[in-house]
């Protein structure tokens, strides 16, 4: 859970920094909005990709734990 929180904080800080930099950049509003939209889309893509990866990791961990518990239950039943 700490890893996810750290990643989200890093991504949020990067997004805020990029937004501030774009807003303070000496260029046209249209160009700034286009860049901000592109950066936001990239950020959303990265967040979705990261969330998908974490979901797969959680599923793999759950399956592994379930197999382990199943083995323990079977061993207990044989011993009884």
Protein backbone atom coordinates (compact mmCIF):
# COMPACT_ATOMS: atom_id res chain seq x y z
CA UNK A 1 0.00 0.00 0.00
CA UNK A 2 2.90 2.34 0.73
CA UNK A 3 4.30 1.75 -2.75
CA UNK A 4 1.02 2.70 -4.40
CA UNK A 5 0.75 5.82 -2.23
CA UNK A 6 4.33 6.82 -3.05
CA UNK A 7 3.74 6.31 -6.77
CA UNK A 8 0.53 8.32 -6.67
CA UNK A 9 2.25 11.15 -4.78
CA UNK A 10 5.11 11.18 -7.29
CA UNK A 11 2.73 11.20 -10.25
CA UNK A 12 0.62 13.94 -8.65
CA UNK A 13 3.68 16.07 -7.92
CA UNK A 14 4.90 15.63 -11.49
CA UNK A 15 1.49 16.62 -12.86
CA UNK A 16 1.32 19.71 -10.65
CA UNK A 17 4.85 20.70 -11.60
CA UNK A 18 4.13 20.25 -15.29
CA UNK A 19 0.92 22.25 -14.99
CA UNK A 20 2.64 25.12 -13.20
CA UNK A 21 5.49 25.13 -15.71
CA UNK A 22 3.06 25.24 -18.61
CA UNK A 23 1.02 28.01 -17.04
CA UNK A 24 4.12 30.12 -16.44
CA UNK A 25 5.66 29.47 -19.86
CA UNK A 26 5.78 32.46 -22.24
CA UNK A 27 3.67 31.07 -25.08
CA UNK A 28 0.16 31.36 -26.45
CA UNK A 29 -2.80 30.16 -24.41
CA UNK A 30 -3.85 27.77 -27.16
CA UNK A 31 -0.43 26.12 -27.26
CA UNK A 32 -0.32 25.95 -23.47
CA UNK A 33 -3.78 24.32 -23.32
CA UNK A 34 -2.76 21.83 -26.02
CA UNK A 35 0.39 20.90 -24.10
CA UNK A 36 -1.53 20.67 -20.83
CA UNK A 37 -4.14 18.41 -22.45
CA UNK A 38 -1.42 16.18 -23.92
CA UNK A 39 0.40 15.94 -20.59
CA UNK A 40 -2.87 15.15 -18.82
CA UNK A 41 -3.67 12.40 -21.33
CA UNK A 42 -0.19 10.94 -20.86
CA UNK A 43 -0.61 11.07 -17.10
CA UNK A 44 -4.00 9.33 -17.25
CA UNK A 45 -2.50 6.64 -19.47
CA UNK A 46 0.38 6.11 -17.02
CA UNK A 47 -2.01 5.91 -14.05
CA UNK A 48 -4.21 3.35 -15.82
CA UNK A 49 -1.19 1.28 -16.84
CA UNK A 50 0.16 1.35 -13.28
CA UNK A 51 -3.23 0.47 -11.80
CA UNK A 52 -3.57 -2.45 -14.21
CA UNK A 53 -0.10 -3.71 -13.30
CA UNK A 54 -0.87 -3.45 -9.57
CA UNK A 55 -4.20 -5.25 -10.06
CA UNK A 56 -2.41 -8.14 -11.80
CA UNK A 57 0.17 -8.27 -9.01
CA UNK A 58 -2.62 -8.37 -6.40
CA UNK A 59 -4.41 -11.17 -8.29
CA UNK A 60 -1.20 -13.17 -8.57
CA UNK A 61 -0.52 -12.73 -4.86
CA UNK A 62 -4.10 -13.76 -3.98
CA UNK A 63 -3.87 -16.87 -6.15
CA UNK A 64 -0.53 -17.79 -4.60
CA UNK A 65 -1.93 -17.38 -1.08
CA UNK A 66 -5.01 -19.42 -1.98
CA UNK A 67 -2.84 -22.27 -3.32
CA UNK A 68 -0.71 -22.18 -0.18
CA UNK A 69 -3.77 -22.31 2.10
CA UNK A 70 -5.22 -25.14 -0.01
CA UNK A 71 -2.04 -27.15 0.45
CA UNK A 72 -2.13 -26.54 4.19
CA UNK A 73 -5.78 -27.62 4.43
CA UNK A 74 -5.10 -30.79 2.43
CA UNK A 75 -2.10 -31.61 4.61
CA UNK A 76 -4.16 -31.06 7.78
CA UNK A 77 -6.95 -33.28 6.47
CA UNK A 78 -4.49 -36.08 5.67
CA UNK A 79 -2.90 -35.80 9.11
CA UNK A 80 -6.29 -35.98 10.86
